[in-house]
Protein backbone atom coordinates (compact mmCIF):
# COMPACT_ATOMS: atom_id res chain seq x y z
CA MET A 1 232.61 123.83 -10.17
CA ASP A 2 228.90 124.56 -9.80
CA HIS A 3 227.99 120.91 -10.43
CA MET A 4 230.39 119.59 -7.75
CA PRO A 5 228.41 118.38 -4.69
CA PRO A 6 229.25 120.14 -1.40
CA ASP A 7 230.52 116.91 0.19
CA ALA A 8 233.03 116.45 -2.65
CA LEU A 9 234.34 119.97 -2.12
CA ARG A 10 234.64 119.36 1.61
CA ASP A 11 236.52 116.14 0.93
CA ALA A 12 238.87 118.03 -1.40
CA GLU A 13 239.60 120.64 1.25
CA ALA A 14 240.34 117.78 3.66
CA GLY A 15 242.91 116.36 1.23
CA ASP A 16 241.02 113.43 -0.30
CA ALA A 17 242.90 112.51 -3.48
CA LEU A 18 239.96 111.70 -5.77
CA ALA A 19 237.92 114.67 -4.55
CA LEU A 20 240.89 116.95 -5.24
CA ALA A 21 241.20 115.53 -8.74
CA ARG A 22 237.49 116.05 -9.43
CA ALA A 23 237.65 119.66 -8.26
CA LEU A 24 240.71 120.30 -10.43
CA VAL A 25 239.13 118.78 -13.55
CA ALA A 26 235.96 120.77 -12.90
CA THR A 27 238.03 123.99 -12.95
CA PRO A 28 238.85 124.82 -16.60
CA SER A 29 242.50 125.72 -17.19
CA VAL A 30 242.95 125.37 -20.94
CA ASN A 31 246.18 126.95 -22.14
CA PRO A 32 245.04 130.08 -24.04
CA VAL A 33 247.96 129.84 -26.45
CA LEU A 34 246.74 126.45 -27.61
CA GLU A 35 243.02 127.18 -27.89
CA ALA A 36 241.30 130.52 -28.34
CA GLY A 37 239.23 131.40 -25.30
CA GLY A 38 241.22 129.15 -22.98
CA ASP A 39 240.80 130.10 -19.33
CA GLY A 40 244.45 129.89 -18.39
CA GLU A 41 245.53 129.20 -14.83
CA ASP A 42 243.99 132.07 -12.85
CA SER A 43 240.99 130.19 -11.37
CA ILE A 44 242.83 126.96 -10.71
CA ALA A 45 245.75 128.86 -9.18
CA ARG A 46 243.40 130.59 -6.74
CA LEU A 47 241.80 127.25 -5.87
CA THR A 48 245.08 125.48 -5.14
CA GLU A 49 246.44 128.53 -3.31
CA ALA A 50 243.46 128.42 -0.94
CA TRP A 51 243.90 124.71 -0.26
CA LEU A 52 247.62 125.06 0.49
CA GLN A 53 247.02 128.02 2.79
CA SER A 54 244.35 126.10 4.70
CA TRP A 55 246.86 123.28 5.24
CA GLY A 56 249.43 125.67 6.74
CA PHE A 57 251.71 126.30 3.77
CA ASP A 58 253.34 129.66 3.09
CA VAL A 59 252.09 130.36 -0.42
CA GLU A 60 252.99 132.70 -3.25
CA ARG A 61 250.81 133.04 -6.34
CA THR A 62 252.92 134.69 -9.05
CA GLU A 63 251.77 136.07 -12.39
CA VAL A 64 254.42 134.74 -14.77
CA ALA A 65 252.77 136.30 -17.85
CA PRO A 66 249.47 138.17 -18.25
CA GLY A 67 246.79 135.89 -16.82
CA ARG A 68 249.25 133.00 -16.30
CA PHE A 69 250.04 132.00 -12.71
CA ASN A 70 252.38 129.80 -10.71
CA VAL A 71 251.52 128.69 -7.18
CA VAL A 72 254.41 127.78 -4.88
CA GLY A 73 253.82 126.69 -1.30
CA SER A 74 256.37 125.68 1.31
CA ILE A 75 256.19 124.17 4.76
CA GLY A 76 258.73 122.89 7.26
CA ALA A 77 262.23 123.91 8.30
CA ALA A 78 263.90 126.30 5.89
CA GLY A 79 267.46 125.31 6.79
CA GLY A 80 269.47 122.49 8.28
CA GLY A 81 267.48 119.66 6.70
CA ARG A 82 266.58 118.43 3.27
CA THR A 83 264.21 120.06 0.82
CA LEU A 84 261.93 118.13 -1.54
CA ILE A 85 259.90 119.59 -4.43
CA LEU A 86 256.63 118.05 -5.60
CA ASN A 87 255.76 119.53 -8.98
CA GLY A 88 252.86 119.52 -11.40
CA HIS A 89 251.50 121.80 -14.08
CA LEU A 90 248.10 123.45 -13.95
CA ASP A 91 247.34 124.01 -17.65
CA THR A 92 245.73 121.59 -20.09
CA VAL A 93 245.43 121.32 -23.84
CA GLY A 94 242.21 122.39 -25.57
CA VAL A 95 238.83 120.68 -25.52
CA GLN A 96 237.80 120.89 -29.17
CA GLY A 97 236.69 117.51 -30.46
CA MET A 98 236.28 115.90 -27.06
CA THR A 99 233.76 113.08 -26.87
CA VAL A 100 233.16 113.37 -23.10
CA PRO A 101 232.14 116.49 -21.16
CA PRO A 102 235.48 118.15 -20.46
CA PHE A 103 234.67 119.70 -17.08
CA ASP A 104 231.96 117.50 -15.53
CA ALA A 105 234.60 115.51 -13.62
CA GLU A 106 232.42 112.42 -13.82
CA VAL A 107 233.54 109.25 -12.02
CA ARG A 108 232.30 106.22 -13.92
CA ASP A 109 233.52 102.62 -14.21
CA GLY A 110 236.30 103.35 -11.76
CA ARG A 111 237.64 106.18 -13.88
CA LEU A 112 237.66 109.96 -13.66
CA TRP A 113 236.78 111.50 -17.03
CA GLY A 114 237.50 114.97 -18.40
CA ARG A 115 240.15 117.29 -19.76
CA GLY A 116 243.28 117.11 -17.70
CA ALA A 117 242.19 114.07 -15.70
CA CYS A 118 245.30 112.24 -16.87
CA ASP A 119 247.56 115.12 -17.93
CA MET A 120 248.02 116.04 -15.23
CA LYS A 121 245.34 116.96 -12.72
CA GLY A 122 245.34 113.42 -11.38
CA GLY A 123 249.04 113.84 -10.57
CA VAL A 124 248.48 117.30 -9.08
CA ALA A 125 245.73 115.86 -6.89
CA SER A 126 248.06 113.09 -5.71
CA LEU A 127 250.81 115.48 -4.69
CA LEU A 128 248.30 117.81 -3.02
CA SER A 129 246.77 114.94 -1.07
CA ALA A 130 250.23 113.83 0.04
CA SER A 131 251.10 117.40 1.01
CA ALA A 132 247.92 117.83 3.06
CA ALA A 133 248.75 114.68 5.01
CA LEU A 134 252.39 115.66 5.52
CA ALA A 135 251.38 119.11 6.74
CA ARG A 136 249.45 117.53 9.62
CA GLY A 137 252.67 116.11 11.09
CA ASP A 138 256.09 117.40 12.08
CA LEU A 139 258.19 117.55 8.95
CA PRO A 140 261.90 116.89 9.47
CA GLY A 141 262.76 119.03 6.45
CA ARG A 142 261.18 121.39 3.98
CA LEU A 143 258.49 120.51 1.44
CA ILE A 144 257.87 122.72 -1.59
CA VAL A 145 254.75 122.31 -3.70
CA ALA A 146 255.40 123.93 -7.08
CA LEU A 147 252.39 124.21 -9.41
CA THR A 148 253.39 125.78 -12.71
CA CYS A 149 251.72 127.25 -15.76
CA ASP A 150 252.18 126.82 -19.50
CA GLU A 151 253.84 123.40 -19.53
CA GLU A 152 251.76 122.44 -22.55
CA HIS A 153 253.29 125.23 -24.64
CA ALA A 154 256.55 126.96 -23.70
CA SER A 155 257.03 126.05 -20.02
CA LEU A 156 256.95 129.69 -18.92
CA GLY A 157 256.01 128.61 -15.42
CA MET A 158 258.87 126.18 -14.85
CA ALA A 159 261.35 128.59 -16.42
CA ALA A 160 260.19 131.28 -13.99
CA LEU A 161 260.38 128.85 -11.08
CA VAL A 162 264.03 127.94 -11.66
CA ASP A 163 264.89 131.58 -12.42
CA SER A 164 263.48 132.49 -9.01
CA GLY A 165 266.34 130.56 -7.45
CA VAL A 166 264.33 127.69 -6.00
CA ARG A 167 266.59 124.81 -5.03
CA ALA A 168 266.08 121.43 -3.44
CA ASP A 169 267.78 118.12 -2.78
CA ALA A 170 265.36 116.30 -5.08
CA ALA A 171 262.10 116.70 -6.97
CA VAL A 172 259.27 114.49 -8.16
CA VAL A 173 257.36 115.66 -11.24
CA CYS A 174 253.97 113.96 -11.13
CA GLU A 175 253.37 113.43 -14.84
CA PRO A 176 251.37 110.32 -15.84
CA THR A 177 253.70 107.30 -15.67
CA ARG A 178 251.26 104.49 -14.72
CA LEU A 179 252.99 104.63 -11.31
CA ALA A 180 256.34 103.66 -12.81
CA VAL A 181 259.40 105.65 -11.78
CA MET A 182 260.82 107.40 -14.83
CA PRO A 183 264.31 108.81 -14.25
CA ALA A 184 265.13 109.57 -17.90
CA HIS A 185 263.37 111.41 -20.69
CA LYS A 186 264.13 112.51 -24.22
CA GLY A 187 264.75 116.06 -25.38
CA PHE A 188 264.13 117.63 -28.76
CA VAL A 189 265.32 120.23 -31.23
CA TRP A 190 263.26 121.78 -34.01
CA ILE A 191 265.17 122.34 -37.23
CA GLU A 192 263.72 124.62 -39.90
CA ALA A 193 264.84 123.77 -43.42
CA GLU A 194 264.01 126.45 -46.00
CA PHE A 195 264.40 125.84 -49.72
CA ARG A 196 264.37 128.58 -52.34
CA GLY A 197 263.51 127.97 -55.98
CA ARG A 198 262.40 130.20 -58.82
CA ALA A 199 258.76 130.92 -59.62
CA ALA A 200 257.65 130.39 -63.20
CA HIS A 201 254.60 129.38 -65.17
CA GLY A 202 253.94 125.66 -64.96
CA SER A 203 254.52 125.34 -68.70
CA ARG A 204 258.09 126.70 -68.44
CA PRO A 205 260.35 124.04 -66.92
CA ASP A 206 263.28 125.84 -68.48
CA GLU A 207 262.58 128.84 -66.21
CA GLY A 208 261.15 127.32 -63.02
CA VAL A 209 263.05 125.82 -60.10
CA ASP A 210 260.87 123.63 -57.87
CA ALA A 211 261.57 124.30 -54.19
CA ILE A 212 259.12 121.61 -53.05
CA GLU A 213 260.93 118.98 -55.08
CA HIS A 214 264.23 119.98 -53.46
CA ALA A 215 262.66 119.64 -50.02
CA ALA A 216 261.33 116.19 -50.96
CA ARG A 217 264.78 115.08 -52.11
CA TYR A 218 266.20 116.22 -48.78
CA LEU A 219 263.65 114.18 -46.84
CA VAL A 220 264.51 111.10 -48.88
CA ALA A 221 268.23 111.72 -48.32
CA LEU A 222 267.63 111.81 -44.56
CA ASN A 223 266.81 108.11 -44.60
CA GLY A 224 270.53 107.51 -44.38
CA LEU A 225 270.71 109.56 -41.18
CA ARG A 226 267.77 107.62 -39.78
CA GLU A 227 269.67 104.37 -40.35
CA THR A 228 272.75 105.84 -38.69
CA ILE A 229 270.78 106.83 -35.59
CA SER A 230 269.10 103.42 -35.37
CA ALA A 231 272.48 101.66 -35.56
CA ARG A 232 273.82 103.44 -32.46
CA GLU A 233 273.86 101.94 -28.99
CA PRO A 234 270.36 102.40 -27.54
CA HIS A 235 269.71 104.10 -24.23
CA PRO A 236 268.73 101.43 -21.67
CA LEU A 237 265.41 103.14 -20.88
CA LEU A 238 264.73 105.32 -23.92
CA GLY A 239 265.98 103.33 -26.88
CA HIS A 240 267.07 105.36 -29.89
CA GLY A 241 266.70 108.97 -30.90
CA SER A 242 264.42 109.73 -33.82
CA PHE A 243 263.21 112.46 -36.14
CA HIS A 244 260.25 113.27 -38.32
CA ALA A 245 259.01 116.05 -40.57
CA GLY A 246 256.43 117.89 -38.49
CA THR A 247 255.19 120.52 -40.95
CA ILE A 248 255.70 121.50 -44.57
CA GLU A 249 254.65 124.71 -46.34
CA GLY A 250 255.21 125.77 -49.92
CA GLY A 251 253.80 126.74 -53.28
CA SER A 252 251.20 129.26 -54.36
CA ALA A 253 249.17 127.53 -57.09
CA PRO A 254 249.16 124.24 -59.03
CA SER A 255 250.18 126.07 -62.23
CA VAL A 256 253.22 127.81 -60.71
CA TYR A 257 256.67 126.45 -59.93
CA PRO A 258 257.04 126.97 -56.17
CA ASP A 259 259.78 129.42 -55.25
CA ARG A 260 259.76 128.47 -51.56
CA CYS A 261 259.25 125.44 -49.34
CA LYS A 262 259.78 125.22 -45.59
CA LEU A 263 260.07 122.07 -43.50
CA VAL A 264 260.16 121.89 -39.74
CA ILE A 265 261.85 118.71 -38.59
CA GLU A 266 261.73 117.53 -35.00
CA ARG A 267 264.66 115.48 -33.73
CA ARG A 268 264.05 113.66 -30.45
CA THR A 269 267.31 113.42 -28.55
CA LEU A 270 268.76 111.26 -25.80
CA PRO A 271 270.36 112.48 -22.57
CA GLY A 272 273.95 113.49 -23.27
CA GLU A 273 273.53 114.10 -26.99
CA SER A 274 275.12 117.35 -28.14
CA MET A 275 272.64 119.65 -29.84
CA ASP A 276 275.46 121.08 -31.96
CA ASP A 277 276.34 117.58 -33.19
CA VAL A 278 272.69 116.78 -33.86
CA VAL A 279 272.19 119.88 -36.01
CA LYS A 280 275.52 119.26 -37.76
CA GLU A 281 274.25 115.89 -38.99
CA PHE A 282 271.30 117.57 -40.69
CA GLU A 283 273.60 120.21 -42.17
CA THR A 284 275.89 117.52 -43.57
CA ALA A 285 272.96 115.72 -45.17
CA LEU A 286 271.94 119.00 -46.82
CA ALA A 287 275.47 119.77 -48.01
CA ASP A 288 275.70 116.32 -49.62
CA LEU A 289 272.42 116.81 -51.52
CA PRO A 290 272.94 117.53 -55.25
CA GLY A 291 272.10 121.13 -56.18
CA HIS A 292 268.92 122.00 -58.01
CA GLY A 293 269.54 125.61 -59.02
CA GLY A 294 268.10 127.10 -55.85
CA GLU A 295 269.21 127.77 -52.28
CA ALA A 296 268.68 126.02 -48.96
CA ARG A 297 269.47 126.77 -45.34
CA LEU A 298 268.87 125.26 -41.91
CA THR A 299 267.92 127.19 -38.76
CA ARG A 300 267.84 125.77 -35.25
CA GLY A 301 264.55 126.43 -33.47
CA LEU A 302 263.18 125.52 -30.03
CA THR A 303 265.53 123.23 -28.14
CA ARG A 304 264.95 121.23 -24.96
CA PRO A 305 267.53 118.85 -23.46
CA GLY A 306 267.01 115.24 -22.56
CA THR A 307 268.06 114.53 -18.97
CA GLU A 308 268.34 111.60 -16.59
CA VAL A 309 268.92 110.70 -12.98
CA ASP A 310 271.05 107.69 -12.08
CA ILE A 311 268.84 104.64 -11.67
CA GLU A 312 270.78 103.77 -8.51
CA SER A 313 270.26 107.21 -6.98
CA GLU A 314 268.59 107.61 -3.60
CA LEU A 315 265.68 109.36 -5.32
CA VAL A 316 264.91 106.45 -7.64
CA ARG A 317 265.62 103.71 -5.12
CA GLY A 318 263.56 105.51 -2.50
CA LEU A 319 260.45 105.69 -4.67
CA LEU A 320 260.85 102.03 -5.61
CA GLY A 321 261.38 100.96 -2.00
CA VAL A 322 258.28 102.77 -0.77
CA GLN A 323 256.14 101.02 -3.37
CA GLU A 324 257.55 97.64 -2.33
CA ALA A 325 256.78 98.46 1.30
CA LEU A 326 253.20 99.26 0.31
CA GLY A 327 252.85 95.87 -1.37
CA ARG A 328 253.29 97.03 -4.95
CA THR A 329 255.63 95.73 -7.64
CA PRO A 330 257.49 98.86 -8.78
CA ALA A 331 258.79 99.51 -12.28
CA VAL A 332 261.49 101.72 -13.79
CA GLU A 333 260.82 103.00 -17.30
CA GLY A 334 261.81 105.83 -19.60
CA MET A 335 259.64 108.86 -20.36
CA THR A 336 259.63 109.27 -24.13
CA ALA A 337 258.06 112.73 -23.98
CA TRP A 338 259.95 115.85 -22.93
CA VAL A 339 258.92 117.12 -19.49
CA ASP A 340 259.63 120.05 -17.18
CA ALA A 341 261.91 117.85 -15.09
CA ALA A 342 264.66 118.90 -17.49
CA PHE A 343 264.67 122.44 -16.09
CA LEU A 344 265.21 121.12 -12.58
CA ASN A 345 267.90 118.65 -13.61
CA GLU A 346 269.74 121.36 -15.53
CA THR A 347 269.89 123.51 -12.38
CA GLY A 348 271.25 120.67 -10.27
CA VAL A 349 268.00 119.47 -8.67
CA PRO A 350 267.64 115.72 -9.39
CA ALA A 351 264.12 115.23 -10.74
CA VAL A 352 262.23 112.13 -11.82
CA CYS A 353 258.71 111.55 -13.07
CA PHE A 354 256.19 109.53 -11.08
CA GLY A 355 252.43 109.83 -11.18
CA PRO A 356 249.06 108.24 -11.88
CA GLY A 357 247.59 107.73 -15.34
CA SER A 358 248.97 106.71 -18.70
CA ILE A 359 250.56 109.12 -21.16
CA ALA A 360 248.55 107.28 -23.83
CA GLU A 361 245.39 108.96 -22.51
CA ALA A 362 246.92 112.45 -22.36
CA HIS A 363 245.26 114.97 -24.71
CA SER A 364 242.80 112.32 -25.90
CA ALA A 365 239.21 112.99 -26.96
CA ASP A 366 237.88 110.92 -24.05
CA GLU A 367 240.61 111.61 -21.50
CA TRP A 368 240.39 109.54 -18.32
CA ILE A 369 242.42 108.20 -15.42
CA GLU A 370 241.99 105.23 -13.11
CA ALA A 371 240.64 106.71 -9.88
CA SER A 372 242.49 104.16 -7.75
CA GLU A 373 245.87 105.24 -9.13
CA ILE A 374 245.37 108.80 -7.86
CA GLU A 375 245.06 107.53 -4.28
CA ILE A 376 247.95 105.07 -4.65
CA ALA A 377 250.25 107.78 -5.99
CA ALA A 378 249.27 110.09 -3.13
CA ARG A 379 250.21 107.54 -0.50
CA VAL A 380 253.49 106.67 -2.24
CA LEU A 381 254.43 110.35 -2.41
CA GLU A 382 253.50 110.87 1.23
CA ALA A 383 255.59 107.94 2.45
CA PHE A 384 258.53 108.76 0.18
CA ALA A 385 258.60 112.43 1.18
CA LEU A 386 258.64 111.54 4.87
CA GLU A 387 261.45 109.00 4.44
CA PHE A 388 263.52 111.28 2.19
CA LEU A 389 263.26 114.25 4.52
CA LYS A 390 263.96 112.13 7.60
CA ALA A 391 267.17 110.76 6.08
CA ALA A 392 269.09 113.97 6.82
CA SER A 393 267.66 114.62 10.28
């Protein structure tokens, strides 16, 4: 943050939303699993820990994995009232190929530019600004600020958070939603399909069995499953489930029949879909495929559930009502991407997404966020938190 002017740092410490966002963007926190040499969350965890402590929060900075940190701060009554979690992740994707300086945190044309500006340091700045303001008053309940690591890879931070036993009456995950309230999001399952053939010289079709060809026939056969999925009743916010072939590996040389081919297929799922049923559909499609003289098998890989909160819930209606009171026209939409809110929902903490920025700008080469949205989101979160916590007092 050497290039950040002293007044901007002072404004950040005072809780100014845009200044907080600039300081966060100027602090590299590239996920080291995604890009060699990534800084991880150590520096940004120390920065946010210091801010929260200065605002009166009780703070714990926890090393979830070597060099990977969560920061969890709490303030307000520990019992007798409601508890609200405001959550964001501290890591970003890599910076290779970016067309704007990733860490200059430049504000230009009403936008903040740099890696993480949209996903999701703008959202983290909004929740921090709201928390700073709330900490200056008498909270009728308990506010937890949960800043987690590794969301961009394996969600180690959120997994550790829920394993720690943290519980609340509701949570807002401040992913970029263009200030829409997003109570539902898709899940996914990765399915590895491995095909075995028989290696032989390219001139010996009588000896060779082409594993790549078998994989290609399977992909073509899956068109029937795609039609089946598209014919089902759509989710009111998320539409239909989907799938695609994410990666394919196979073969050793152009002149050799490939004895192995591996596909990894990603199936995006809707809330309530059974993962066992989803995988069974892919197994059935494979079983119905005519044999080719080789072998094939499916293996279930990484799985994350889709989850949703009732659109008529107090959490959703409260966020919408606050926006109306502030003169905004609120919107309810679905989050097509999988997000850490699933972990909270699965443990019984209703969680929705709401934050500044558009998911379309996330991970982009010229990542940016509208500066005005960061401030708007901060004030919405502040007003909502106060109303939600008051409701049980």
